Amino acid sequence: MPSPPPDLIELAAAIKAWGVQLGFAEVGIADVDLGQAEAGLQAWLAQGHHGEMDYMASHGSKRARPAELLPGTLRAISVRMDYLPKNAAADWRAREAARLADPAAAVVSLYARGRDYHKVLRSRLQQLAARIEHAIGPFGYRVFTDSAPVMELPLAQKAGLGWRGKHTLLLNRQAGSMFFIGEILVDLALPVDAAVSAHCGQCSSCIDVCPTGAILGPGRLDARRCISYLTIELKGQIPLELRPLMGNHIYGCDDCQTACPWNKYAQRAVLADFDERNGLGSATLVDLFGWDEDAFHRRLEGSPIRRIGHERWLRNIAVALGNAATGARGNAALVAALQARADHPSALVREHVAWALARHG
């Protein structure tokens, strides 16, 4: 591949500097050849490990071929943005473990305790694209962040932002995995960055800690068993055999990340958008189960949690309340909270509440 002209080399350096100014922790540039990743995706889909996430398969080759999604695409400007809340304690991983051990605590994934990352990253990526356009004039581009059929993680790998850990998430030696990724597809022949090697070694902490056994082996995830999938993507009943394994997780799951040794290097967010809202890092199951639909939508304005809707929110919390029976069987407050929803208009909620009440005996 011929060397890019000096003006493109200078532009690439400027793009990285502008990205940091906009709140991104790191910016890398990759070509868009995802041939290797495409084969892995097709095998994963063929095994049905995507569950109800039909969108993973519905766009055919476009997911692994960015130039088909946006004709003329030559490069991906890939970014990552740290999201660990600024006020997270130095021992945040130990504190998260303590909440998991408290049957009355409602555990919400760290990334979802603040503002919806889709909105934050998309806005910042658009601003970065605008800066490029101001510098060079009109060019072809499109911004993405978990919002279209793009294989974001392989692009971030190629751009040198990290390696794919055994839990399938992107890992960075300086920042662990507590960050979001996004990209701008561009028609500019920018110089590309080198990928980094993997540094998981013999560690299997993420595999060992997964409550539901969703990580089948290094880099092999059955999403149908993943608590994040069960609490966010799954629309209907949570499988009976998986409910007791979910503990008090009500939205997402960070267990594989909190167990990962690399996350001792996790960096705090630089943007206030990811500050915790609504006390979601300290809330109880009973308190959150008491929110009616209006309170749910009002309190979670601008939160990624709103997209699952109030019905699935109650479904998830009902399971956690049922699991609380292992440490607080027959607890009057937990049982009363469940009984208050026993005649809920939703059959989905009623079934999960009945299951939870049966657990309390």
Protein backbone atom coordinates (compact mmCIF):
# COMPACT_ATOMS: atom_id res chain seq x y z
CA MET A 1 0.00 0.00 0.00
CA PRO A 2 1.53 3.37 -1.03
CA SER A 3 2.21 5.92 1.70
CA PRO A 4 -0.50 8.57 2.12
CA PRO A 5 0.48 12.11 1.14
CA PRO A 6 1.74 14.43 3.89
CA ASP A 7 -1.51 16.38 4.03
CA LEU A 8 -3.43 13.21 4.96
CA ILE A 9 -0.83 12.31 7.59
CA GLU A 10 -1.24 15.76 9.11
CA LEU A 11 -5.03 15.47 8.92
CA ALA A 12 -4.97 12.12 10.74
CA ALA A 13 -2.93 13.65 13.55
CA ALA A 14 -5.32 16.59 13.75
CA ILE A 15 -8.36 14.30 13.85
CA LYS A 16 -6.89 12.46 16.85
CA ALA A 17 -6.22 15.72 18.67
CA TRP A 18 -9.71 17.05 17.92
CA GLY A 19 -11.20 13.78 19.17
CA VAL A 20 -9.49 14.10 22.54
CA GLN A 21 -10.71 17.70 22.80
CA LEU A 22 -14.25 16.42 22.27
CA GLY A 23 -14.00 13.95 25.15
CA PHE A 24 -12.84 10.77 23.42
CA ALA A 25 -10.13 8.91 25.28
CA GLU A 26 -8.52 7.64 22.10
CA VAL A 27 -8.95 7.81 18.33
CA GLY A 28 -7.58 5.31 15.81
CA ILE A 29 -7.91 4.77 12.08
CA ALA A 30 -8.47 1.47 10.28
CA ASP A 31 -9.09 0.15 6.82
CA VAL A 32 -12.47 -1.51 6.33
CA ASP A 33 -11.50 -5.03 5.27
CA LEU A 34 -13.41 -7.22 7.73
CA GLY A 35 -13.15 -10.50 5.86
CA GLN A 36 -11.88 -12.44 8.88
CA ALA A 37 -14.51 -11.02 11.20
CA GLU A 38 -17.28 -11.77 8.69
CA ALA A 39 -16.55 -15.50 8.83
CA GLY A 40 -16.78 -15.47 12.62
CA LEU A 41 -20.04 -13.53 12.54
CA GLN A 42 -21.64 -15.97 10.11
CA ALA A 43 -20.61 -18.94 12.24
CA TRP A 44 -22.02 -17.29 15.37
CA LEU A 45 -25.31 -16.54 13.63
CA ALA A 46 -25.51 -20.08 12.23
CA GLN A 47 -25.32 -21.44 15.77
CA GLY A 48 -28.25 -19.25 16.79
CA HIS A 49 -26.26 -17.59 19.56
CA HIS A 50 -27.80 -14.22 18.74
CA GLY A 51 -31.21 -15.31 20.05
CA GLU A 52 -33.97 -12.79 19.26
CA MET A 53 -31.49 -10.17 17.99
CA ASP A 54 -32.66 -10.61 14.40
CA TYR A 55 -31.05 -7.31 13.45
CA MET A 56 -27.69 -9.06 13.77
CA ALA A 57 -28.54 -11.15 10.73
CA SER A 58 -30.97 -8.94 8.82
CA HIS A 59 -28.46 -6.79 6.95
CA GLY A 60 -26.51 -9.56 5.26
CA SER A 61 -23.02 -8.70 4.12
CA LYS A 62 -23.36 -4.99 4.92
CA ARG A 63 -22.49 -5.60 8.58
CA ALA A 64 -19.01 -6.83 7.64
CA ARG A 65 -18.61 -4.73 4.50
CA PRO A 66 -18.79 -1.04 5.37
CA ALA A 67 -18.25 0.00 1.75
CA GLU A 68 -21.58 -1.63 0.89
CA LEU A 69 -23.28 0.30 3.68
CA LEU A 70 -21.69 3.59 2.59
CA PRO A 71 -20.32 3.42 -0.98
CA GLY A 72 -16.89 4.99 -1.32
CA THR A 73 -15.83 4.18 2.24
CA LEU A 74 -12.05 3.79 2.58
CA ARG A 75 -11.41 4.16 6.30
CA ALA A 76 -13.05 4.01 9.70
CA ILE A 77 -12.14 6.63 12.28
CA SER A 78 -12.72 4.60 15.45
CA VAL A 79 -13.09 6.15 18.90
CA ARG A 80 -13.51 5.09 22.47
CA MET A 81 -14.99 7.07 25.36
CA ASP A 82 -14.57 6.15 29.04
CA TYR A 83 -17.80 5.86 31.02
CA LEU A 84 -16.88 4.89 34.58
CA PRO A 85 -18.59 7.65 36.61
CA LYS A 86 -16.24 10.41 37.74
CA ASN A 87 -17.10 9.87 41.40
CA ALA A 88 -16.54 6.10 41.30
CA ALA A 89 -14.50 5.05 44.32
CA ALA A 90 -11.00 3.65 43.97
CA ASP A 91 -12.40 0.29 45.11
CA TRP A 92 -15.39 0.45 42.78
CA ARG A 93 -15.07 -3.20 41.78
CA ALA A 94 -15.26 -4.32 45.41
CA ARG A 95 -18.29 -2.09 45.95
CA GLU A 96 -20.05 -3.59 42.95
CA ALA A 97 -19.34 -7.07 44.33
CA ALA A 98 -20.82 -6.03 47.67
CA ARG A 99 -24.05 -4.92 46.00
CA LEU A 100 -24.29 -8.23 44.18
CA ALA A 101 -24.09 -9.94 47.55
CA ASP A 102 -26.94 -7.82 48.99
CA PRO A 103 -30.23 -9.54 48.01
CA ALA A 104 -32.23 -6.31 48.45
CA ALA A 105 -29.99 -4.24 46.16
CA ALA A 106 -31.01 -3.48 42.56
CA VAL A 107 -27.98 -3.89 40.30
CA VAL A 108 -27.93 -1.78 37.15
CA SER A 109 -24.99 -1.99 34.76
CA LEU A 110 -22.59 0.92 35.26
CA TYR A 111 -22.91 2.18 31.70
CA ALA A 112 -26.67 2.64 32.10
CA ARG A 113 -26.65 4.74 35.27
CA GLY A 114 -26.13 7.99 33.38
CA ARG A 115 -27.22 9.47 30.06
CA ASP A 116 -27.87 7.34 26.99
CA TYR A 117 -24.47 6.80 25.39
CA HIS A 118 -25.96 6.62 21.90
CA LYS A 119 -26.89 10.30 22.11
CA VAL A 120 -23.60 11.38 23.68
CA LEU A 121 -21.30 9.59 21.26
CA ARG A 122 -23.35 10.40 18.18
CA SER A 123 -23.29 14.10 19.02
CA ARG A 124 -19.54 14.11 19.64
CA LEU A 125 -18.84 12.12 16.48
CA GLN A 126 -20.92 14.56 14.47
CA GLN A 127 -18.90 17.41 15.97
CA LEU A 128 -15.68 15.65 15.00
CA ALA A 129 -16.93 15.16 11.44
CA ALA A 130 -17.88 18.86 11.32
CA ARG A 131 -14.33 19.83 12.35
CA ILE A 132 -12.90 17.68 9.58
CA GLU A 133 -15.28 19.25 7.07
CA HIS A 134 -14.35 22.72 8.25
CA ALA A 135 -10.68 21.88 7.68
CA ILE A 136 -10.87 20.17 4.27
CA GLY A 137 -14.29 20.94 2.84
CA PRO A 138 -17.10 18.49 2.04
CA PHE A 139 -16.26 14.78 2.17
CA GLY A 140 -18.21 11.55 2.33
CA TYR A 141 -18.89 10.22 5.82
CA ARG A 142 -21.41 8.62 8.15
CA VAL A 143 -21.43 8.43 11.93
CA PHE A 144 -22.22 5.25 13.88
CA THR A 145 -22.44 4.15 17.49
CA ASP A 146 -24.22 0.86 18.09
CA SER A 147 -26.90 2.18 15.77
CA ALA A 148 -26.47 0.48 12.40
CA PRO A 149 -25.17 -2.75 10.86
CA VAL A 150 -21.47 -2.10 11.45
CA MET A 151 -19.00 -4.47 13.13
CA GLU A 152 -17.68 -1.85 15.49
CA LEU A 153 -15.44 -4.00 17.64
CA PRO A 154 -13.37 -5.47 14.77
CA LEU A 155 -12.93 -1.96 13.37
CA ALA A 156 -11.77 -0.72 16.78
CA GLN A 157 -9.37 -3.66 16.96
CA LYS A 158 -7.90 -2.84 13.58
CA ALA A 159 -7.58 0.81 14.63
CA GLY A 160 -5.41 -0.19 17.59
CA LEU A 161 -7.87 0.70 20.35
CA GLY A 162 -7.54 -2.68 22.03
CA TRP A 163 -7.93 -6.42 21.64
CA ARG A 164 -10.95 -8.66 21.96
CA GLY A 165 -10.99 -10.21 25.42
CA LYS A 166 -12.17 -13.70 26.20
CA HIS A 167 -15.54 -12.21 27.19
CA THR A 168 -15.74 -10.77 23.60
CA LEU A 169 -15.48 -7.14 24.79
CA LEU A 170 -12.69 -4.79 23.74
CA LEU A 171 -9.83 -4.50 26.23
CA ASN A 172 -7.25 -1.75 26.47
CA ARG A 173 -4.05 -1.97 28.54
CA GLN A 174 -4.47 1.58 29.85
CA ALA A 175 -8.24 1.55 30.36
CA GLY A 176 -9.62 -1.95 30.78
CA SER A 177 -13.03 -2.26 29.11
CA MET A 178 -15.20 0.40 30.72
CA PHE A 179 -15.64 2.48 27.59
CA PHE A 180 -17.97 2.90 24.62
CA ILE A 181 -16.87 2.72 21.00
CA GLY A 182 -18.13 4.40 17.85
CA GLU A 183 -16.85 5.33 14.42
CA ILE A 184 -17.05 7.58 11.40
CA LEU A 185 -16.86 5.87 8.02
CA VAL A 186 -15.05 8.19 5.61
CA ASP A 187 -14.02 8.30 1.96
CA LEU A 188 -10.56 9.62 2.87
CA ALA A 189 -7.42 7.49 2.39
CA LEU A 190 -6.05 8.34 5.82
CA PRO A 191 -3.01 6.48 7.18
CA VAL A 192 -4.05 3.49 9.30
CA ASP A 193 -2.93 2.55 12.79
CA ALA A 194 -1.47 -0.78 13.84
CA ALA A 195 -3.54 -3.30 15.73
CA VAL A 196 -2.37 -4.33 19.20
CA SER A 197 -1.70 -7.86 20.42
CA ALA A 198 -3.91 -9.64 22.96
CA HIS A 199 -2.89 -9.65 26.61
CA CYS A 200 -5.32 -11.99 28.34
CA GLY A 201 -2.77 -14.77 28.70
CA GLN A 202 -4.01 -17.75 30.71
CA CYS A 203 -6.55 -15.69 32.67
CA SER A 204 -10.11 -17.05 32.63
CA SER A 205 -11.69 -14.79 35.28
CA CYS A 206 -14.44 -13.54 32.97
CA ILE A 207 -15.40 -17.07 31.92
CA ASP A 208 -15.34 -18.40 35.47
CA VAL A 209 -17.45 -15.59 36.96
CA CYS A 210 -20.30 -15.52 34.41
CA PRO A 211 -23.42 -16.44 36.46
CA THR A 212 -25.25 -18.11 33.59
CA GLY A 213 -22.34 -19.73 31.75
CA ALA A 214 -22.91 -17.52 28.72
CA ILE A 215 -19.19 -17.38 27.87
CA LEU A 216 -18.68 -20.82 26.37
CA GLY A 217 -14.94 -20.40 25.94
CA PRO A 218 -12.43 -17.71 24.94
CA GLY A 219 -14.26 -15.34 22.58
CA ARG A 220 -17.37 -17.56 22.40
CA LEU A 221 -20.55 -15.99 23.75
CA ASP A 222 -24.04 -17.49 23.70
CA ALA A 223 -26.05 -14.28 23.98
CA ARG A 224 -29.18 -16.27 24.81
CA ARG A 225 -27.70 -16.99 28.24
CA CYS A 226 -26.17 -13.55 28.83
CA ILE A 227 -27.86 -11.49 31.56
CA SER A 228 -27.51 -8.34 29.47
CA TYR A 229 -29.46 -10.04 26.68
CA LEU A 230 -32.06 -11.46 29.06
CA THR A 231 -32.75 -8.12 30.76
CA ILE A 232 -32.52 -5.86 27.69
CA GLU A 233 -32.97 -7.66 24.38
CA LEU A 234 -35.34 -10.49 25.28
CA LYS A 235 -38.93 -9.35 24.89
CA GLY A 236 -40.87 -12.24 26.40
CA GLN A 237 -40.55 -14.61 29.32
CA ILE A 238 -37.13 -15.17 30.83
CA PRO A 239 -36.38 -18.92 30.69
CA LEU A 240 -37.20 -20.59 34.00
CA GLU A 241 -33.86 -22.34 34.27
CA LEU A 242 -31.94 -19.07 33.95
CA ARG A 243 -33.95 -16.94 36.40
CA PRO A 244 -32.29 -18.24 39.60
CA LEU A 245 -28.86 -17.58 38.06
CA MET A 246 -29.56 -13.90 37.43
CA GLY A 247 -29.33 -12.84 41.06
CA ASN A 248 -30.25 -9.18 41.56
CA HIS A 249 -29.26 -7.92 38.11
CA ILE A 250 -32.16 -5.87 36.74
CA TYR A 251 -30.56 -4.15 33.73
CA GLY A 252 -27.40 -5.45 32.12
CA CYS A 253 -24.50 -7.21 33.81
CA ASP A 254 -20.91 -6.15 34.53
CA ASP A 255 -19.71 -9.34 36.20
CA CYS A 256 -17.22 -10.30 33.50
CA GLN A 257 -15.83 -6.77 33.52
CA THR A 258 -15.55 -6.34 37.28
CA ALA A 259 -13.72 -9.69 37.44
CA CYS A 260 -11.26 -8.70 34.71
CA PRO A 261 -7.83 -7.73 36.13
CA TRP A 262 -7.37 -5.13 33.38
CA ASN A 263 -10.20 -3.06 34.82
CA LYS A 264 -8.01 -1.98 37.70
CA TYR A 265 -6.89 0.51 35.05
CA ALA A 266 -10.42 1.63 34.11
CA GLN A 267 -10.49 5.39 33.58
CA ARG A 268 -13.12 7.81 34.88
CA ALA A 269 -15.37 9.57 32.40
CA VAL A 270 -14.43 13.12 31.46
CA LEU A 271 -18.02 14.01 30.58
CA ALA A 272 -20.71 14.70 33.16
CA ASP A 273 -23.20 12.81 30.96
CA PHE A 274 -22.14 9.55 32.58
CA ASP A 275 -22.58 10.73 36.16
CA GLU A 276 -24.99 8.51 38.05
CA ARG A 277 -28.65 9.55 37.98
CA ASN A 278 -31.66 8.58 40.11
CA GLY A 279 -29.45 6.86 42.67
CA LEU A 280 -29.20 3.82 40.40
CA GLY A 281 -25.94 2.79 42.03
CA SER A 282 -27.56 2.46 45.45
CA ALA A 283 -31.25 1.77 44.77
CA THR A 284 -33.20 -1.10 46.31
CA LEU A 285 -35.38 -3.55 44.44
CA VAL A 286 -38.46 -2.53 46.43
CA ASP A 287 -37.99 1.16 45.62
CA LEU A 288 -37.59 0.63 41.88
CA PHE A 289 -40.41 -1.93 41.71
CA GLY A 290 -42.68 0.75 43.14
CA TRP A 291 -42.27 3.08 40.16
CA ASP A 292 -45.44 3.29 38.10
CA GLU A 293 -45.21 3.80 34.35
CA ASP A 294 -45.25 7.60 34.59
CA ALA A 295 -42.46 7.60 37.17
CA PHE A 296 -40.45 5.16 35.06
CA HIS A 297 -40.57 7.43 32.00
CA ARG A 298 -40.11 10.64 33.96
CA ARG A 299 -37.17 9.50 36.06
CA LEU A 300 -35.40 7.74 33.20
CA GLU A 301 -35.69 10.59 30.71
CA GLY A 302 -32.53 10.46 28.58
CA SER A 303 -31.52 7.06 29.97
CA PRO A 304 -30.81 3.97 27.84
CA ILE A 305 -33.03 2.00 30.24
CA ARG A 306 -36.20 3.59 28.88
CA ARG A 307 -36.00 1.58 25.70
CA ILE A 308 -36.99 -1.67 27.43
CA GLY A 309 -40.23 -0.11 28.67
CA HIS A 310 -41.96 -0.33 32.05
CA GLU A 311 -43.32 -3.85 31.50
CA ARG A 312 -39.88 -5.45 31.05
CA TRP A 313 -38.49 -3.27 33.84
CA LEU A 314 -41.04 -4.85 36.22
CA ARG A 315 -40.36 -8.31 34.76
CA ASN A 316 -36.65 -7.98 35.50
CA ILE A 317 -37.14 -6.67 39.03
CA ALA A 318 -39.68 -9.39 39.81
CA VAL A 319 -37.05 -12.02 39.01
CA ALA A 320 -34.54 -10.28 41.28
CA LEU A 321 -37.13 -10.06 44.07
CA GLY A 322 -37.73 -13.79 43.69
CA ASN A 323 -34.00 -14.48 43.86
CA ALA A 324 -33.78 -12.38 47.03
CA ALA A 325 -35.60 -15.25 48.73
CA THR A 326 -32.28 -17.12 48.92
CA GLY A 327 -31.03 -14.55 51.44
CA ALA A 328 -34.26 -13.13 52.78
CA ARG A 329 -36.93 -15.78 52.37
CA GLY A 330 -40.38 -14.52 53.27
CA ASN A 331 -39.12 -10.98 53.88
CA ALA A 332 -42.29 -8.97 54.48
CA ALA A 333 -41.26 -5.91 52.45
CA LEU A 334 -40.20 -8.00 49.44
CA VAL A 335 -43.35 -10.10 49.53
CA ALA A 336 -45.59 -7.04 49.92
CA ALA A 337 -43.93 -5.38 46.91
CA LEU A 338 -44.57 -8.47 44.81
CA GLN A 339 -48.16 -8.87 46.00
CA ALA A 340 -48.86 -5.26 44.98
CA ARG A 341 -48.10 -6.27 41.36
CA ALA A 342 -49.75 -9.70 41.44
CA ASP A 343 -52.75 -8.45 39.44
CA HIS A 344 -50.78 -6.27 37.02
CA PRO A 345 -52.52 -5.80 33.63
CA SER A 346 -49.55 -7.40 31.85
CA ALA A 347 -49.54 -11.20 31.68
CA LEU A 348 -45.75 -11.05 31.38
CA VAL A 349 -45.43 -9.19 34.67
CA ARG A 350 -48.02 -11.36 36.43
CA GLU A 351 -46.22 -14.58 35.49
CA HIS A 352 -42.84 -13.38 36.75
CA VAL A 353 -44.39 -12.02 39.95
CA ALA A 354 -46.12 -15.36 40.58
CA TRP A 355 -42.79 -17.15 40.10
CA ALA A 356 -41.10 -14.77 42.52
CA LEU A 357 -43.81 -15.16 45.18
CA ALA A 358 -43.53 -18.93 44.93
CA ARG A 359 -39.81 -18.58 45.68
CA HIS A 360 -40.66 -16.83 48.92
CA GLY A 361 -42.91 -19.74 49.85
